[in-house]
């Protein structure tokens, strides 16, 4: 896996919504709950910079790779 770099959570949120069809619902506190077309759920912190280990777990939950996300950065 390539070396991940920190990115802002709102940037990742917009990429997942715009290009991969996720819809957002407000979660509890500073978290946003995302759902895809099949009903799979992913939770992202809002307003923070995501560390590589958090990005890795989000990618594992969504089934995407870093290369797929990085081309939209």
PDB file of N, CA and C in Angstrom:
ATOM      1  N   UNK A   1       0.851  -1.176   0.000  1.00  0.00           N
ATOM      2  CA  UNK A   1       0.000   0.000   0.000  1.00  0.00           C
ATOM      3  C   UNK A   1       0.893   1.234   0.000  1.00  0.00           C
ATOM      4  N   UNK A   2       0.563   2.225  -0.819  1.00  0.00           N
ATOM      5  CA  UNK A   2       1.377   3.435  -0.863  1.00  0.00           C
ATOM      6  C   UNK A   2       1.275   4.216   0.446  1.00  0.00           C
ATOM      7  N   UNK A   3       2.209   5.106   0.624  1.00  0.00           N
ATOM      8  CA  UNK A   3       2.248   5.907   1.833  1.00  0.00           C
ATOM      9  C   UNK A   3       1.080   6.897   1.824  1.00  0.00           C
ATOM     10  N   UNK A   4       0.285   6.849   2.874  1.00  0.00           N
ATOM     11  CA  UNK A   4      -0.867   7.729   2.987  1.00  0.00           C
ATOM     12  C   UNK A   4      -0.441   9.040   3.628  1.00  0.00           C
ATOM     13  N   UNK A   5      -1.083  10.109   3.228  1.00  0.00           N
ATOM     14  CA  UNK A   5      -0.818  11.400   3.849  1.00  0.00           C
ATOM     15  C   UNK A   5      -2.106  11.903   4.481  1.00  0.00           C
ATOM     16  N   UNK A   6      -2.002  12.692   5.540  1.00  0.00           N
ATOM     17  CA  UNK A   6      -3.212  13.204   6.180  1.00  0.00           C
ATOM     18  C   UNK A   6      -4.009  14.091   5.223  1.00  0.00           C
ATOM     19  N   UNK A   7      -5.324  13.972   5.282  1.00  0.00           N
ATOM     20  CA  UNK A   7      -6.199  14.854   4.506  1.00  0.00           C
ATOM     21  C   UNK A   7      -7.327  15.319   5.415  1.00  0.00           C
ATOM     22  N   UNK A   8      -7.942  16.409   5.045  1.00  0.00           N
ATOM     23  CA  UNK A   8      -9.052  16.941   5.826  1.00  0.00           C
ATOM     24  C   UNK A   8     -10.278  16.054   5.632  1.00  0.00           C
ATOM     25  N   UNK A   9     -11.041  15.916   6.695  1.00  0.00           N
ATOM     26  CA  UNK A   9     -12.190  15.015   6.656  1.00  0.00           C
ATOM     27  C   UNK A   9     -13.255  15.503   5.671  1.00  0.00           C
ATOM     28  N   UNK A  10     -13.422  16.809   5.550  1.00  0.00           N
ATOM     29  CA  UNK A  10     -14.442  17.318   4.628  1.00  0.00           C
ATOM     30  C   UNK A  10     -14.058  17.071   3.174  1.00  0.00           C
ATOM     31  N   UNK A  11     -12.761  17.038   2.877  1.00  0.00           N
ATOM     32  CA  UNK A  11     -12.310  16.705   1.523  1.00  0.00           C
ATOM     33  C   UNK A  11     -12.659  15.261   1.202  1.00  0.00           C
ATOM     34  N   UNK A  12     -12.367  14.347   2.128  1.00  0.00           N
ATOM     35  CA  UNK A  12     -12.713  12.940   1.925  1.00  0.00           C
ATOM     36  C   UNK A  12     -14.222  12.751   1.833  1.00  0.00           C
ATOM     37  N   UNK A  13     -14.955  13.472   2.641  1.00  0.00           N
ATOM     38  CA  UNK A  13     -16.413  13.401   2.619  1.00  0.00           C
ATOM     39  C   UNK A  13     -16.961  13.811   1.252  1.00  0.00           C
ATOM     40  N   UNK A  14     -16.462  14.912   0.705  1.00  0.00           N
ATOM     41  CA  UNK A  14     -16.937  15.377  -0.604  1.00  0.00           C
ATOM     42  C   UNK A  14     -16.572  14.408  -1.722  1.00  0.00           C
ATOM     43  N   UNK A  15     -15.386  13.794  -1.640  1.00  0.00           N
ATOM     44  CA  UNK A  15     -14.989  12.810  -2.653  1.00  0.00           C
ATOM     45  C   UNK A  15     -15.915  11.602  -2.602  1.00  0.00           C
ATOM     46  N   UNK A  16     -16.188  11.109  -1.400  1.00  0.00           N
ATOM     47  CA  UNK A  16     -17.069   9.940  -1.273  1.00  0.00           C
ATOM     48  C   UNK A  16     -18.483  10.251  -1.743  1.00  0.00           C
ATOM     49  N   UNK A  17     -18.964  11.450  -1.495  1.00  0.00           N
ATOM     50  CA  UNK A  17     -20.317  11.808  -1.924  1.00  0.00           C
ATOM     51  C   UNK A  17     -20.381  12.034  -3.428  1.00  0.00           C
ATOM     52  N   UNK A  18     -19.457  12.792  -3.967  1.00  0.00           N
ATOM     53  CA  UNK A  18     -19.522  13.188  -5.369  1.00  0.00           C
ATOM     54  C   UNK A  18     -19.212  12.048  -6.329  1.00  0.00           C
ATOM     55  N   UNK A  19     -18.176  11.273  -6.037  1.00  0.00           N
ATOM     56  CA  UNK A  19     -17.708  10.288  -7.003  1.00  0.00           C
ATOM     57  C   UNK A  19     -18.116   8.847  -6.695  1.00  0.00           C
ATOM     58  N   UNK A  20     -18.497   8.564  -5.464  1.00  0.00           N
ATOM     59  CA  UNK A  20     -18.791   7.183  -5.102  1.00  0.00           C
ATOM     60  C   UNK A  20     -20.204   6.984  -4.558  1.00  0.00           C
ATOM     61  N   UNK A  21     -21.048   7.990  -4.627  1.00  0.00           N
ATOM     62  CA  UNK A  21     -22.467   7.836  -4.342  1.00  0.00           C
ATOM     63  C   UNK A  21     -22.863   7.694  -2.888  1.00  0.00           C
ATOM     64  N   UNK A  22     -22.030   8.128  -1.970  1.00  0.00           N
ATOM     65  CA  UNK A  22     -22.391   8.058  -0.551  1.00  0.00           C
ATOM     66  C   UNK A  22     -23.286   9.234  -0.189  1.00  0.00           C
ATOM     67  N   UNK A  23     -24.228   8.993   0.705  1.00  0.00           N
ATOM     68  CA  UNK A  23     -25.081  10.077   1.209  1.00  0.00           C
ATOM     69  C   UNK A  23     -24.788  10.247   2.691  1.00  0.00           C
ATOM     70  N   UNK A  24     -24.782  11.510   3.134  1.00  0.00           N
ATOM     71  CA  UNK A  24     -24.381  11.820   4.509  1.00  0.00           C
ATOM     72  C   UNK A  24     -25.586  12.120   5.378  1.00  0.00           C
ATOM     73  N   UNK A  25     -25.479  11.677   6.622  1.00  0.00           N
ATOM     74  CA  UNK A  25     -26.441  12.047   7.661  1.00  0.00           C
ATOM     75  C   UNK A  25     -25.633  12.485   8.863  1.00  0.00           C
ATOM     76  N   UNK A  26     -26.131  13.455   9.577  1.00  0.00           N
ATOM     77  CA  UNK A  26     -25.417  13.920  10.759  1.00  0.00           C
ATOM     78  C   UNK A  26     -25.436  12.847  11.825  1.00  0.00           C
ATOM     79  N   UNK A  27     -24.288  12.587  12.384  1.00  0.00           N
ATOM     80  CA  UNK A  27     -24.187  11.611  13.459  1.00  0.00           C
ATOM     81  C   UNK A  27     -24.205  12.322  14.799  1.00  0.00           C
ATOM     82  N   UNK A  28     -23.690  11.678  15.814  1.00  0.00           N
ATOM     83  CA  UNK A  28     -23.632  12.280  17.132  1.00  0.00           C
ATOM     84  C   UNK A  28     -22.351  13.086  17.275  1.00  0.00           C
ATOM     85  N   UNK A  29     -22.465  14.257  17.851  1.00  0.00           N
ATOM     86  CA  UNK A  29     -21.286  15.085  18.088  1.00  0.00           C
ATOM     87  C   UNK A  29     -20.654  15.549  16.800  1.00  0.00           C
ATOM     88  N   UNK A  30     -19.367  15.292  16.659  1.00  0.00           N
ATOM     89  CA  UNK A  30     -18.650  15.756  15.478  1.00  0.00           C
ATOM     90  C   UNK A  30     -18.408  14.641  14.465  1.00  0.00           C
ATOM     91  N   UNK A  31     -19.309  13.686  14.374  1.00  0.00           N
ATOM     92  CA  UNK A  31     -19.188  12.593  13.424  1.00  0.00           C
ATOM     93  C   UNK A  31     -20.287  12.680  12.373  1.00  0.00           C
ATOM     94  N   UNK A  32     -19.961  12.236  11.178  1.00  0.00           N
ATOM     95  CA  UNK A  32     -20.910  12.185  10.077  1.00  0.00           C
ATOM     96  C   UNK A  32     -21.042  10.735   9.651  1.00  0.00           C
ATOM     97  N   UNK A  33     -22.258  10.271   9.484  1.00  0.00           N
ATOM     98  CA  UNK A  33     -22.526   8.892   9.082  1.00  0.00           C
ATOM     99  C   UNK A  33     -22.811   8.888   7.588  1.00  0.00           C
ATOM    100  N   UNK A  34     -22.089   8.045   6.855  1.00  0.00           N
ATOM    101  CA  UNK A  34     -22.258   7.922   5.408  1.00  0.00           C
ATOM    102  C   UNK A  34     -22.870   6.570   5.072  1.00  0.00           C
ATOM    103  N   UNK A  35     -23.766   6.567   4.094  1.00  0.00           N
ATOM    104  CA  UNK A  35     -24.376   5.327   3.605  1.00  0.00           C
ATOM    105  C   UNK A  35     -24.183   5.249   2.100  1.00  0.00           C
ATOM    106  N   UNK A  36     -23.913   4.043   1.598  1.00  0.00           N
ATOM    107  CA  UNK A  36     -23.859   3.862   0.155  1.00  0.00           C
ATOM    108  C   UNK A  36     -25.200   3.315  -0.334  1.00  0.00           C
ATOM    109  N   UNK A  37     -25.271   2.977  -1.616  1.00  0.00           N
ATOM    110  CA  UNK A  37     -26.533   2.521  -2.210  1.00  0.00           C
ATOM    111  C   UNK A  37     -27.016   1.203  -1.627  1.00  0.00           C
ATOM    112  N   UNK A  38     -26.088   0.381  -1.136  1.00  0.00           N
ATOM    113  CA  UNK A  38     -26.449  -0.925  -0.586  1.00  0.00           C
ATOM    114  C   UNK A  38     -26.760  -0.877   0.903  1.00  0.00           C
ATOM    115  N   UNK A  39     -26.596   0.287   1.521  1.00  0.00           N
ATOM    116  CA  UNK A  39     -26.895   0.425   2.932  1.00  0.00           C
ATOM    117  C   UNK A  39     -25.712   0.252   3.857  1.00  0.00           C
ATOM    118  N   UNK A  40     -24.503   0.108   3.294  1.00  0.00           N
ATOM    119  CA  UNK A  40     -23.311  -0.005   4.134  1.00  0.00           C
ATOM    120  C   UNK A  40     -23.023   1.338   4.803  1.00  0.00           C
ATOM    121  N   UNK A  41     -22.608   1.301   6.049  1.00  0.00           N
ATOM    122  CA  UNK A  41     -22.406   2.508   6.827  1.00  0.00           C
ATOM    123  C   UNK A  41     -20.919   2.731   7.111  1.00  0.00           C
ATOM    124  N   UNK A  42     -20.492   4.003   7.024  1.00  0.00           N
ATOM    125  CA  UNK A  42     -19.143   4.421   7.369  1.00  0.00           C
ATOM    126  C   UNK A  42     -19.256   5.706   8.166  1.00  0.00           C
ATOM    127  N   UNK A  43     -18.427   5.860   9.199  1.00  0.00           N
ATOM    128  CA  UNK A  43     -18.465   7.041  10.055  1.00  0.00           C
ATOM    129  C   UNK A  43     -17.162   7.812   9.887  1.00  0.00           C
ATOM    130  N   UNK A  44     -17.280   9.144   9.706  1.00  0.00           N
ATOM    131  CA  UNK A  44     -16.124  10.022   9.545  1.00  0.00           C
ATOM    132  C   UNK A  44     -16.230  11.164  10.544  1.00  0.00           C
ATOM    133  N   UNK A  45     -15.110  11.524  11.162  1.00  0.00           N
ATOM    134  CA  UNK A  45     -15.075  12.708  12.014  1.00  0.00           C
ATOM    135  C   UNK A  45     -15.167  13.930  11.118  1.00  0.00           C
ATOM    136  N   UNK A  46     -15.889  14.937  11.549  1.00  0.00           N
ATOM    137  CA  UNK A  46     -15.981  16.145  10.739  1.00  0.00           C
ATOM    138  C   UNK A  46     -15.108  17.238  11.329  1.00  0.00           C
ATOM    139  N   UNK A  47     -14.560  18.069  10.447  1.00  0.00           N
ATOM    140  CA  UNK A  47     -13.795  19.222  10.875  1.00  0.00           C
ATOM    141  C   UNK A  47     -12.411  18.928  11.389  1.00  0.00           C
ATOM    142  N   UNK A  48     -11.860  17.767  11.094  1.00  0.00           N
ATOM    143  CA  UNK A  48     -10.521  17.419  11.565  1.00  0.00           C
ATOM    144  C   UNK A  48      -9.689  16.887  10.415  1.00  0.00           C
ATOM    145  N   UNK A  49      -8.381  16.873  10.637  1.00  0.00           N
ATOM    146  CA  UNK A  49      -7.492  16.242   9.681  1.00  0.00           C
ATOM    147  C   UNK A  49      -7.373  14.770  10.049  1.00  0.00           C
ATOM    148  N   UNK A  50      -7.614  13.908   9.088  1.00  0.00           N
ATOM    149  CA  UNK A  50      -7.616  12.475   9.338  1.00  0.00           C
ATOM    150  C   UNK A  50      -6.196  11.926   9.221  1.00  0.00           C
ATOM    151  N   UNK A  51      -5.783  11.178  10.217  1.00  0.00           N
ATOM    152  CA  UNK A  51      -4.469  10.535  10.212  1.00  0.00           C
ATOM    153  C   UNK A  51      -4.508   9.316   9.294  1.00  0.00           C
ATOM    154  N   UNK A  52      -3.322   8.867   8.839  1.00  0.00           N
ATOM    155  CA  UNK A  52      -3.287   7.732   7.906  1.00  0.00           C
ATOM    156  C   UNK A  52      -3.962   6.462   8.423  1.00  0.00           C
ATOM    157  N   UNK A  53      -3.865   6.170   9.721  1.00  0.00           N
ATOM    158  CA  UNK A  53      -4.510   4.950  10.212  1.00  0.00           C
ATOM    159  C   UNK A  53      -6.029   5.049  10.167  1.00  0.00           C
ATOM    160  N   UNK A  54      -6.581   6.236  10.362  1.00  0.00           N
ATOM    161  CA  UNK A  54      -8.029   6.441  10.250  1.00  0.00           C
ATOM    162  C   UNK A  54      -8.457   6.342   8.783  1.00  0.00           C
ATOM    163  N   UNK A  55      -7.664   6.928   7.893  1.00  0.00           N
ATOM    164  CA  UNK A  55      -7.967   6.849   6.460  1.00  0.00           C
ATOM    165  C   UNK A  55      -7.952   5.394   6.009  1.00  0.00           C
ATOM    166  N   UNK A  56      -6.971   4.635   6.488  1.00  0.00           N
ATOM    167  CA  UNK A  56      -6.860   3.215   6.127  1.00  0.00           C
ATOM    168  C   UNK A  56      -8.110   2.436   6.549  1.00  0.00           C
ATOM    169  N   UNK A  57      -8.624   2.729   7.742  1.00  0.00           N
ATOM    170  CA  UNK A  57      -9.817   2.004   8.194  1.00  0.00           C
ATOM    171  C   UNK A  57     -11.055   2.429   7.400  1.00  0.00           C
ATOM    172  N   UNK A  58     -11.152   3.701   7.036  1.00  0.00           N
ATOM    173  CA  UNK A  58     -12.276   4.164   6.205  1.00  0.00           C
ATOM    174  C   UNK A  58     -12.216   3.504   4.832  1.00  0.00           C
ATOM    175  N   UNK A  59     -11.021   3.420   4.256  1.00  0.00           N
ATOM    176  CA  UNK A  59     -10.878   2.769   2.953  1.00  0.00           C
ATOM    177  C   UNK A  59     -11.248   1.297   3.027  1.00  0.00           C
ATOM    178  N   UNK A  60     -10.886   0.636   4.112  1.00  0.00           N
ATOM    179  CA  UNK A  60     -11.235  -0.776   4.288  1.00  0.00           C
ATOM    180  C   UNK A  60     -12.755  -0.938   4.391  1.00  0.00           C
ATOM    181  N   UNK A  61     -13.413  -0.030   5.101  1.00  0.00           N
ATOM    182  CA  UNK A  61     -14.879  -0.109   5.246  1.00  0.00           C
ATOM    183  C   UNK A  61     -15.587   0.155   3.923  1.00  0.00           C
ATOM    184  N   UNK A  62     -15.069   1.078   3.125  1.00  0.00           N
ATOM    185  CA  UNK A  62     -15.727   1.424   1.866  1.00  0.00           C
ATOM    186  C   UNK A  62     -15.323   0.517   0.713  1.00  0.00           C
ATOM    187  N   UNK A  63     -14.224  -0.219   0.868  1.00  0.00           N
ATOM    188  CA  UNK A  63     -13.768  -1.091  -0.205  1.00  0.00           C
ATOM    189  C   UNK A  63     -13.008  -0.368  -1.296  1.00  0.00           C
ATOM    190  N   UNK A  64     -12.556   0.842  -1.016  1.00  0.00           N
ATOM    191  CA  UNK A  64     -11.812   1.639  -1.988  1.00  0.00           C
ATOM    192  C   UNK A  64     -10.321   1.553  -1.692  1.00  0.00           C
ATOM    193  N   UNK A  65      -9.513   1.983  -2.653  1.00  0.00           N
ATOM    194  CA  UNK A  65      -8.071   2.023  -2.452  1.00  0.00           C
ATOM    195  C   UNK A  65      -7.621   3.484  -2.378  1.00  0.00           C
ATOM    196  N   UNK A  66      -6.395   3.671  -1.894  1.00  0.00           N
ATOM    197  CA  UNK A  66      -5.864   5.026  -1.784  1.00  0.00           C
ATOM    198  C   UNK A  66      -5.690   5.655  -3.166  1.00  0.00           C
ATOM    199  N   UNK A  67      -5.339   4.859  -4.162  1.00  0.00           N
ATOM    200  CA  UNK A  67      -5.174   5.384  -5.516  1.00  0.00           C
ATOM    201  C   UNK A  67      -6.485   5.942  -6.060  1.00  0.00           C
ATOM    202  N   UNK A  68      -7.606   5.296  -5.732  1.00  0.00           N
ATOM    203  CA  UNK A  68      -8.907   5.786  -6.181  1.00  0.00           C
ATOM    204  C   UNK A  68      -9.255   7.127  -5.548  1.00  0.00           C
ATOM    205  N   UNK A  69      -8.873   7.319  -4.303  1.00  0.00           N
ATOM    206  CA  UNK A  69      -9.143   8.579  -3.614  1.00  0.00           C
ATOM    207  C   UNK A  69      -8.158   9.650  -4.054  1.00  0.00           C
ATOM    208  N   UNK A  70      -6.898   9.278  -4.211  1.00  0.00           N
ATOM    209  CA  UNK A  70      -5.843  10.246  -4.485  1.00  0.00           C
ATOM    210  C   UNK A  70      -6.013  10.930  -5.835  1.00  0.00           C
ATOM    211  N   UNK A  71      -6.640  10.265  -6.806  1.00  0.00           N
ATOM    212  CA  UNK A  71      -6.790  10.896  -8.117  1.00  0.00           C
ATOM    213  C   UNK A  71      -7.756  12.077  -8.072  1.00  0.00           C
ATOM    214  N   UNK A  72      -8.569  12.198  -7.030  1.00  0.00           N
ATOM    215  CA  UNK A  72      -9.492  13.329  -6.902  1.00  0.00           C
ATOM    216  C   UNK A  72      -8.970  14.423  -5.982  1.00  0.00           C
ATOM    217  N   UNK A  73      -7.792  14.248  -5.404  1.00  0.00           N
ATOM    218  CA  UNK A  73      -7.228  15.272  -4.512  1.00  0.00           C
ATOM    219  C   UNK A  73      -6.589  16.390  -5.293  1.00  0.00           C
TER     220      UNK A  73
END
